């Protein structure tokens, strides 16, 4: 928590603490990996790394759900298109979180006062096609690379 306290405001810490232990661990490990491997990491990227998955706290899912989403996205992508926020059952919860956590994370991070850059990185960290003309494209590309590695 010392690392988190160093990089987040009190409001942002409150959002961070809503995440499950696994997501908090991943976020801290991800942020530290960025710092260790990228020359002059902007503070916005560190904050984004710490908060990029806070939207998953909306409907907490366990590791079984997470693996199911990865397998379904790879081998049965049509399953990941069937969602209904009214019914938050096992598979649907997994689909909702997988498909929308970046958007939810962005909104939660904005409500905690992050910068526009941080919010944008969080919102787009699951994008599969990147807009190479966007001024923050290279930062997002770096972010996604290290998120995938961690």
N, C-alpha and C. Protein backbone atom coordinates (compact mmCIF):
# COMPACT_ATOMS: atom_id res chain seq x y z
N UNK A 1 0.82 -1.20 0.00
CA UNK A 1 0.00 0.00 0.00
C UNK A 1 0.86 1.26 0.00
N UNK A 2 2.11 1.14 0.44
CA UNK A 2 2.99 2.31 0.41
C UNK A 2 3.17 2.81 -1.02
N UNK A 3 3.35 1.89 -1.95
CA UNK A 3 3.50 2.25 -3.36
C UNK A 3 2.23 2.92 -3.87
N UNK A 4 1.10 2.36 -3.55
CA UNK A 4 -0.20 2.91 -3.98
C UNK A 4 -0.39 4.30 -3.41
N UNK A 5 -0.10 4.46 -2.13
CA UNK A 5 -0.26 5.75 -1.46
C UNK A 5 0.63 6.82 -2.09
N UNK A 6 1.80 6.42 -2.56
CA UNK A 6 2.74 7.34 -3.18
C UNK A 6 2.21 7.89 -4.51
N UNK A 7 1.40 7.09 -5.23
CA UNK A 7 0.99 7.46 -6.58
C UNK A 7 -0.48 7.86 -6.73
N UNK A 8 -1.31 7.56 -5.74
CA UNK A 8 -2.74 7.87 -5.85
C UNK A 8 -3.18 8.88 -4.79
N UNK A 9 -4.17 9.68 -5.14
CA UNK A 9 -4.80 10.56 -4.16
C UNK A 9 -5.68 9.72 -3.25
N UNK A 10 -6.19 10.33 -2.20
CA UNK A 10 -7.07 9.60 -1.28
C UNK A 10 -8.31 9.08 -2.01
N UNK A 11 -8.90 9.88 -2.87
CA UNK A 11 -10.09 9.45 -3.62
C UNK A 11 -9.75 8.28 -4.56
N UNK A 12 -8.60 8.36 -5.21
CA UNK A 12 -8.18 7.29 -6.10
C UNK A 12 -7.87 6.01 -5.33
N UNK A 13 -7.28 6.15 -4.16
CA UNK A 13 -7.03 4.98 -3.31
C UNK A 13 -8.33 4.29 -2.94
N UNK A 14 -9.35 5.09 -2.64
CA UNK A 14 -10.65 4.52 -2.30
C UNK A 14 -11.21 3.67 -3.43
N UNK A 15 -11.05 4.13 -4.66
CA UNK A 15 -11.48 3.36 -5.83
C UNK A 15 -10.62 2.11 -5.97
N UNK A 16 -9.30 2.26 -5.83
CA UNK A 16 -8.37 1.14 -5.91
C UNK A 16 -8.76 0.03 -4.93
N UNK A 17 -9.11 0.41 -3.72
CA UNK A 17 -9.43 -0.57 -2.68
C UNK A 17 -10.73 -1.33 -2.92
N UNK A 18 -11.53 -0.89 -3.87
CA UNK A 18 -12.76 -1.62 -4.22
C UNK A 18 -12.46 -2.89 -5.00
N UNK A 19 -11.26 -2.95 -5.60
CA UNK A 19 -10.91 -4.12 -6.41
C UNK A 19 -10.66 -5.33 -5.52
N UNK A 20 -10.83 -6.49 -6.12
CA UNK A 20 -10.48 -7.74 -5.45
C UNK A 20 -8.96 -7.80 -5.29
N UNK A 21 -8.50 -8.60 -4.34
CA UNK A 21 -7.07 -8.71 -4.05
C UNK A 21 -6.25 -9.04 -5.29
N UNK A 22 -6.74 -9.96 -6.10
CA UNK A 22 -6.01 -10.35 -7.32
C UNK A 22 -5.79 -9.14 -8.23
N UNK A 23 -6.84 -8.34 -8.44
CA UNK A 23 -6.73 -7.18 -9.33
C UNK A 23 -5.83 -6.10 -8.74
N UNK A 24 -5.87 -5.94 -7.42
CA UNK A 24 -4.95 -4.98 -6.77
C UNK A 24 -3.51 -5.43 -6.97
N UNK A 25 -3.24 -6.72 -6.76
CA UNK A 25 -1.89 -7.25 -6.93
C UNK A 25 -1.42 -7.04 -8.38
N UNK A 26 -2.25 -7.42 -9.33
CA UNK A 26 -1.91 -7.26 -10.75
C UNK A 26 -1.61 -5.80 -11.06
N UNK A 27 -2.42 -4.90 -10.57
CA UNK A 27 -2.24 -3.48 -10.87
C UNK A 27 -0.94 -2.92 -10.32
N UNK A 28 -0.59 -3.29 -9.10
CA UNK A 28 0.68 -2.84 -8.51
C UNK A 28 1.85 -3.46 -9.25
N UNK A 29 1.77 -4.75 -9.54
CA UNK A 29 2.84 -5.44 -10.27
C UNK A 29 3.01 -4.81 -11.66
N UNK A 30 1.92 -4.52 -12.32
CA UNK A 30 1.93 -3.89 -13.64
C UNK A 30 2.61 -2.52 -13.56
N UNK A 31 2.22 -1.70 -12.61
CA UNK A 31 2.81 -0.36 -12.46
C UNK A 31 4.31 -0.44 -12.19
N UNK A 32 4.71 -1.34 -11.31
CA UNK A 32 6.13 -1.50 -11.01
C UNK A 32 6.91 -2.04 -12.21
N UNK A 33 6.28 -2.90 -13.00
CA UNK A 33 6.92 -3.41 -14.21
C UNK A 33 7.13 -2.28 -15.22
N UNK A 34 6.15 -1.40 -15.36
CA UNK A 34 6.32 -0.23 -16.23
C UNK A 34 7.51 0.60 -15.78
N UNK A 35 7.57 0.89 -14.50
CA UNK A 35 8.65 1.72 -13.96
C UNK A 35 10.01 1.07 -14.21
N UNK A 36 10.07 -0.23 -14.06
CA UNK A 36 11.34 -0.96 -14.22
C UNK A 36 11.79 -1.08 -15.67
N UNK A 37 10.86 -1.04 -16.61
CA UNK A 37 11.20 -1.35 -18.00
C UNK A 37 11.05 -0.22 -19.00
N UNK A 38 10.42 0.86 -18.61
CA UNK A 38 10.17 1.95 -19.55
C UNK A 38 10.89 3.20 -19.05
N UNK A 39 11.64 3.82 -19.93
CA UNK A 39 12.39 5.02 -19.59
C UNK A 39 11.42 6.19 -19.37
N UNK A 40 11.53 6.84 -18.24
CA UNK A 40 10.72 8.02 -17.90
C UNK A 40 9.21 7.77 -18.06
N UNK A 41 8.67 6.89 -17.26
CA UNK A 41 7.24 6.60 -17.31
C UNK A 41 6.46 7.80 -16.77
N UNK A 42 5.54 8.34 -17.56
CA UNK A 42 4.72 9.44 -17.05
C UNK A 42 3.87 8.97 -15.87
N UNK A 43 3.71 9.84 -14.89
CA UNK A 43 2.89 9.50 -13.72
C UNK A 43 1.48 9.09 -14.13
N UNK A 44 0.97 9.68 -15.21
CA UNK A 44 -0.37 9.31 -15.71
C UNK A 44 -0.46 7.82 -16.03
N UNK A 45 0.60 7.26 -16.56
CA UNK A 45 0.61 5.83 -16.89
C UNK A 45 0.66 4.97 -15.63
N UNK A 46 1.37 5.43 -14.62
CA UNK A 46 1.41 4.69 -13.36
C UNK A 46 0.03 4.67 -12.72
N UNK A 47 -0.63 5.83 -12.70
CA UNK A 47 -1.98 5.91 -12.13
C UNK A 47 -2.94 5.04 -12.95
N UNK A 48 -2.81 5.09 -14.27
CA UNK A 48 -3.66 4.25 -15.13
C UNK A 48 -3.44 2.77 -14.84
N UNK A 49 -2.18 2.38 -14.65
CA UNK A 49 -1.89 0.97 -14.35
C UNK A 49 -2.54 0.56 -13.04
N UNK A 50 -2.53 1.44 -12.07
CA UNK A 50 -3.13 1.11 -10.77
C UNK A 50 -4.65 1.05 -10.81
N UNK A 51 -5.26 1.79 -11.72
CA UNK A 51 -6.73 1.89 -11.73
C UNK A 51 -7.40 1.27 -12.96
N UNK A 52 -6.66 0.69 -13.89
CA UNK A 52 -7.24 0.26 -15.15
C UNK A 52 -8.28 -0.85 -15.02
N UNK A 53 -8.27 -1.60 -13.96
CA UNK A 53 -9.23 -2.70 -13.80
C UNK A 53 -10.25 -2.48 -12.68
N UNK A 54 -10.37 -1.25 -12.19
CA UNK A 54 -11.31 -1.01 -11.08
C UNK A 54 -12.75 -1.31 -11.48
N UNK A 55 -13.07 -1.21 -12.75
CA UNK A 55 -14.43 -1.52 -13.21
C UNK A 55 -14.83 -2.96 -12.97
N UNK A 56 -13.85 -3.85 -12.82
CA UNK A 56 -14.16 -5.25 -12.53
C UNK A 56 -14.81 -5.41 -11.16
N UNK A 57 -14.69 -4.41 -10.32
CA UNK A 57 -15.32 -4.48 -8.99
C UNK A 57 -16.84 -4.33 -9.06
N UNK A 58 -17.35 -3.89 -10.19
CA UNK A 58 -18.80 -3.74 -10.36
C UNK A 58 -19.52 -5.08 -10.19
N UNK A 59 -18.96 -6.12 -10.82
CA UNK A 59 -19.46 -7.48 -10.68
C UNK A 59 -18.25 -8.38 -10.44
N UNK A 60 -17.85 -8.57 -9.20
CA UNK A 60 -16.65 -9.38 -8.94
C UNK A 60 -16.77 -10.78 -9.54
N UNK A 61 -15.67 -11.21 -10.15
CA UNK A 61 -15.62 -12.54 -10.75
C UNK A 61 -14.38 -13.26 -10.24
N UNK A 62 -14.48 -14.59 -10.16
CA UNK A 62 -13.34 -15.36 -9.65
C UNK A 62 -12.45 -15.82 -10.81
N UNK A 63 -11.38 -16.52 -10.47
CA UNK A 63 -10.42 -16.93 -11.50
C UNK A 63 -11.05 -17.90 -12.50
N UNK A 64 -12.02 -18.70 -12.07
CA UNK A 64 -12.72 -19.60 -12.99
C UNK A 64 -13.46 -18.79 -14.06
N UNK A 65 -14.13 -17.71 -13.63
CA UNK A 65 -14.82 -16.83 -14.57
C UNK A 65 -13.81 -16.21 -15.55
N UNK A 66 -12.70 -15.76 -15.02
CA UNK A 66 -11.68 -15.10 -15.86
C UNK A 66 -11.16 -16.05 -16.93
N UNK A 67 -10.85 -17.28 -16.53
CA UNK A 67 -10.36 -18.26 -17.51
C UNK A 67 -11.43 -18.57 -18.54
N UNK A 68 -12.67 -18.65 -18.09
CA UNK A 68 -13.78 -18.90 -19.01
C UNK A 68 -13.89 -17.81 -20.06
N UNK A 69 -13.71 -16.56 -19.65
CA UNK A 69 -13.78 -15.45 -20.59
C UNK A 69 -12.66 -15.52 -21.62
N UNK A 70 -11.46 -15.87 -21.19
CA UNK A 70 -10.32 -15.98 -22.11
C UNK A 70 -10.57 -17.09 -23.12
N UNK A 71 -11.02 -18.23 -22.64
CA UNK A 71 -11.28 -19.37 -23.52
C UNK A 71 -12.42 -19.04 -24.49
N UNK A 72 -13.49 -18.47 -23.96
CA UNK A 72 -14.64 -18.14 -24.82
C UNK A 72 -14.26 -17.11 -25.87
N UNK A 73 -13.52 -16.08 -25.49
CA UNK A 73 -13.11 -15.06 -26.46
C UNK A 73 -12.26 -15.67 -27.58
N UNK A 74 -11.46 -16.66 -27.23
CA UNK A 74 -10.55 -17.29 -28.22
C UNK A 74 -11.27 -18.30 -29.10
N UNK A 75 -12.11 -19.16 -28.49
CA UNK A 75 -12.68 -20.29 -29.23
C UNK A 75 -14.17 -20.17 -29.54
N UNK A 76 -14.88 -19.29 -28.86
CA UNK A 76 -16.31 -19.11 -29.12
C UNK A 76 -16.68 -17.64 -28.94
N UNK A 77 -16.13 -16.77 -29.77
CA UNK A 77 -16.33 -15.33 -29.58
C UNK A 77 -17.80 -14.91 -29.59
N UNK A 78 -18.66 -15.69 -30.26
CA UNK A 78 -20.08 -15.35 -30.29
C UNK A 78 -20.69 -15.37 -28.88
N UNK A 79 -20.13 -16.20 -28.00
CA UNK A 79 -20.62 -16.27 -26.61
C UNK A 79 -20.40 -14.93 -25.92
N UNK A 80 -19.31 -14.26 -26.24
CA UNK A 80 -18.96 -13.01 -25.58
C UNK A 80 -19.82 -11.84 -26.05
N UNK A 81 -20.65 -12.08 -27.06
CA UNK A 81 -21.53 -11.03 -27.56
C UNK A 81 -22.89 -11.06 -26.88
N UNK A 82 -23.18 -12.13 -26.13
CA UNK A 82 -24.49 -12.28 -25.51
C UNK A 82 -24.42 -11.77 -24.08
N UNK A 83 -24.97 -10.60 -23.87
CA UNK A 83 -24.93 -10.02 -22.54
C UNK A 83 -26.27 -9.39 -22.19
N UNK A 84 -26.53 -9.33 -20.91
CA UNK A 84 -27.77 -8.76 -20.40
C UNK A 84 -27.49 -8.28 -18.99
N UNK A 85 -27.45 -6.98 -18.79
CA UNK A 85 -27.12 -6.45 -17.47
C UNK A 85 -28.23 -6.71 -16.45
N UNK A 86 -29.41 -7.07 -16.91
CA UNK A 86 -30.50 -7.38 -15.99
C UNK A 86 -30.28 -8.72 -15.29
N UNK A 87 -29.58 -9.62 -15.97
CA UNK A 87 -29.33 -10.95 -15.41
C UNK A 87 -27.83 -11.11 -15.21
N UNK A 88 -27.42 -11.06 -13.96
CA UNK A 88 -25.98 -11.11 -13.67
C UNK A 88 -25.61 -12.49 -13.16
N UNK A 89 -25.90 -13.49 -13.96
CA UNK A 89 -25.57 -14.88 -13.62
C UNK A 89 -24.14 -15.17 -14.04
N UNK A 90 -23.68 -16.37 -13.77
CA UNK A 90 -22.30 -16.79 -14.00
C UNK A 90 -21.73 -16.32 -15.34
N UNK A 91 -22.21 -16.88 -16.45
CA UNK A 91 -21.64 -16.57 -17.75
C UNK A 91 -21.88 -15.11 -18.12
N UNK A 92 -23.07 -14.63 -17.88
CA UNK A 92 -23.38 -13.26 -18.25
C UNK A 92 -22.52 -12.27 -17.47
N UNK A 93 -22.28 -12.54 -16.20
CA UNK A 93 -21.42 -11.67 -15.40
C UNK A 93 -20.03 -11.60 -16.02
N UNK A 94 -19.52 -12.74 -16.43
CA UNK A 94 -18.20 -12.81 -17.05
C UNK A 94 -18.16 -12.01 -18.34
N UNK A 95 -19.18 -12.15 -19.16
CA UNK A 95 -19.26 -11.43 -20.43
C UNK A 95 -19.35 -9.92 -20.17
N UNK A 96 -20.20 -9.52 -19.24
CA UNK A 96 -20.34 -8.09 -18.93
C UNK A 96 -19.02 -7.49 -18.48
N UNK A 97 -18.36 -8.14 -17.55
CA UNK A 97 -17.10 -7.60 -17.03
C UNK A 97 -16.04 -7.57 -18.12
N UNK A 98 -15.93 -8.63 -18.88
CA UNK A 98 -14.94 -8.69 -19.95
C UNK A 98 -15.18 -7.59 -20.98
N UNK A 99 -16.42 -7.38 -21.36
CA UNK A 99 -16.75 -6.43 -22.41
C UNK A 99 -16.78 -4.97 -21.96
N UNK A 100 -17.05 -4.71 -20.69
CA UNK A 100 -17.30 -3.32 -20.26
C UNK A 100 -16.41 -2.79 -19.15
N UNK A 101 -15.50 -3.60 -18.61
CA UNK A 101 -14.75 -3.11 -17.45
C UNK A 101 -13.88 -1.90 -17.79
N UNK A 102 -13.40 -1.79 -19.01
CA UNK A 102 -12.57 -0.62 -19.35
C UNK A 102 -13.39 0.67 -19.26
N UNK A 103 -14.59 0.64 -19.78
CA UNK A 103 -15.50 1.80 -19.71
C UNK A 103 -15.86 2.10 -18.26
N UNK A 104 -16.21 1.07 -17.49
CA UNK A 104 -16.55 1.27 -16.09
C UNK A 104 -15.35 1.80 -15.31
N UNK A 105 -14.17 1.27 -15.62
CA UNK A 105 -12.95 1.71 -14.95
C UNK A 105 -12.68 3.18 -15.25
N UNK A 106 -12.86 3.57 -16.50
CA UNK A 106 -12.67 4.98 -16.87
C UNK A 106 -13.60 5.88 -16.05
N UNK A 107 -14.87 5.51 -15.98
CA UNK A 107 -15.84 6.33 -15.24
C UNK A 107 -15.49 6.42 -13.75
N UNK A 108 -15.10 5.30 -13.17
CA UNK A 108 -14.74 5.29 -11.75
C UNK A 108 -13.47 6.12 -11.52
N UNK A 109 -12.51 6.00 -12.40
CA UNK A 109 -11.27 6.76 -12.27
C UNK A 109 -11.53 8.25 -12.45
N UNK A 110 -12.38 8.61 -13.41
CA UNK A 110 -12.74 10.03 -13.60
C UNK A 110 -13.39 10.59 -12.34
N UNK A 111 -14.27 9.79 -11.74
CA UNK A 111 -14.96 10.27 -10.53
C UNK A 111 -13.98 10.47 -9.38
N UNK A 112 -12.81 9.83 -9.47
CA UNK A 112 -11.78 9.98 -8.44
C UNK A 112 -10.75 11.05 -8.83
N UNK A 113 -10.98 11.72 -9.95
CA UNK A 113 -10.16 12.88 -10.30
C UNK A 113 -8.88 12.62 -11.08
N UNK A 114 -8.85 11.60 -11.93
CA UNK A 114 -7.65 11.35 -12.72
C UNK A 114 -7.57 12.35 -13.88
N UNK A 115 -6.40 12.45 -14.48
CA UNK A 115 -6.19 13.34 -15.62
C UNK A 115 -6.90 12.79 -16.86
N UNK A 116 -7.03 13.65 -17.88
CA UNK A 116 -7.64 13.22 -19.14
C UNK A 116 -6.83 12.10 -19.78
N UNK A 117 -5.50 12.20 -19.73
CA UNK A 117 -4.64 11.16 -20.30
C UNK A 117 -4.85 9.83 -19.59
N UNK A 118 -4.87 9.85 -18.27
CA UNK A 118 -5.08 8.63 -17.50
C UNK A 118 -6.43 8.01 -17.85
N UNK A 119 -7.47 8.82 -17.89
CA UNK A 119 -8.82 8.32 -18.21
C UNK A 119 -8.85 7.72 -19.61
N UNK A 120 -8.19 8.36 -20.57
CA UNK A 120 -8.19 7.88 -21.95
C UNK A 120 -7.45 6.55 -22.04
N UNK A 121 -6.31 6.43 -21.39
CA UNK A 121 -5.55 5.17 -21.41
C UNK A 121 -6.40 4.05 -20.82
N UNK A 122 -7.04 4.32 -19.69
CA UNK A 122 -7.90 3.31 -19.05
C UNK A 122 -9.03 2.91 -19.98
N UNK A 123 -9.68 3.88 -20.60
CA UNK A 123 -10.81 3.60 -21.48
C UNK A 123 -10.43 2.73 -22.67
N UNK A 124 -9.20 2.86 -23.13
CA UNK A 124 -8.79 2.17 -24.36
C UNK A 124 -7.84 1.00 -24.15
N UNK A 125 -7.62 0.60 -22.89
CA UNK A 125 -6.62 -0.43 -22.65
C UNK A 125 -7.00 -1.82 -23.15
N UNK A 126 -8.24 -2.01 -23.56
CA UNK A 126 -8.66 -3.30 -24.12
C UNK A 126 -8.88 -3.22 -25.62
N UNK A 127 -8.57 -2.08 -26.23
CA UNK A 127 -8.78 -1.92 -27.68
C UNK A 127 -7.91 -2.92 -28.45
N UNK A 128 -8.49 -3.50 -29.45
CA UNK A 128 -7.76 -4.45 -30.30
C UNK A 128 -7.17 -3.76 -31.53
N UNK A 129 -7.79 -2.69 -31.96
CA UNK A 129 -7.30 -1.89 -33.08
C UNK A 129 -7.01 -0.50 -32.55
N UNK A 130 -5.78 -0.06 -32.74
CA UNK A 130 -5.35 1.22 -32.19
C UNK A 130 -5.30 2.29 -33.28
N UNK A 131 -5.72 3.49 -32.92
CA UNK A 131 -5.68 4.64 -33.83
C UNK A 131 -4.27 5.22 -33.79
N UNK A 132 -3.48 4.89 -34.80
CA UNK A 132 -2.08 5.31 -34.81
C UNK A 132 -1.91 6.81 -34.99
N UNK A 133 -2.96 7.52 -35.37
CA UNK A 133 -2.85 8.97 -35.54
C UNK A 133 -3.12 9.72 -34.23
N UNK A 134 -3.62 9.02 -33.22
CA UNK A 134 -3.92 9.68 -31.94
C UNK A 134 -2.61 10.09 -31.26
N UNK A 135 -2.58 11.29 -30.66
CA UNK A 135 -1.33 11.76 -30.05
C UNK A 135 -0.83 10.89 -28.88
N UNK A 136 -1.71 10.13 -28.25
CA UNK A 136 -1.30 9.29 -27.12
C UNK A 136 -1.15 7.82 -27.53
N UNK A 137 -1.16 7.55 -28.82
CA UNK A 137 -1.10 6.18 -29.32
C UNK A 137 0.08 5.39 -28.77
N UNK A 138 1.28 5.98 -28.81
CA UNK A 138 2.48 5.25 -28.36
C UNK A 138 2.41 4.91 -26.88
N UNK A 139 1.86 5.81 -26.08
CA UNK A 139 1.69 5.52 -24.65
C UNK A 139 0.73 4.36 -24.45
N UNK A 140 -0.37 4.36 -25.19
CA UNK A 140 -1.35 3.27 -25.09
C UNK A 140 -0.73 1.96 -25.54
N UNK A 141 0.03 1.99 -26.60
CA UNK A 141 0.68 0.77 -27.09
C UNK A 141 1.61 0.18 -26.03
N UNK A 142 2.39 1.03 -25.39
CA UNK A 142 3.28 0.60 -24.31
C UNK A 142 2.48 0.03 -23.16
N UNK A 143 1.41 0.73 -22.80
CA UNK A 143 0.55 0.31 -21.70
C UNK A 143 -0.01 -1.09 -21.95
N UNK A 144 -0.56 -1.30 -23.13
CA UNK A 144 -1.16 -2.59 -23.47
C UNK A 144 -0.10 -3.68 -23.47
N UNK A 145 1.06 -3.38 -24.00
CA UNK A 145 2.15 -4.37 -24.03
C UNK A 145 2.47 -4.88 -22.63
N UNK A 146 2.63 -3.96 -21.68
CA UNK A 146 3.01 -4.38 -20.33
C UNK A 146 1.83 -4.94 -19.53
N UNK A 147 0.62 -4.51 -19.84
CA UNK A 147 -0.56 -5.12 -19.23
C UNK A 147 -0.65 -6.58 -19.65
N UNK A 148 -0.43 -6.85 -20.92
CA UNK A 148 -0.47 -8.22 -21.42
C UNK A 148 0.65 -9.08 -20.83
N UNK A 149 1.80 -8.49 -20.57
CA UNK A 149 2.92 -9.23 -20.00
C UNK A 149 2.72 -9.57 -18.52
N UNK A 150 1.93 -8.76 -17.84
CA UNK A 150 1.77 -8.97 -16.41
C UNK A 150 0.44 -9.64 -16.12
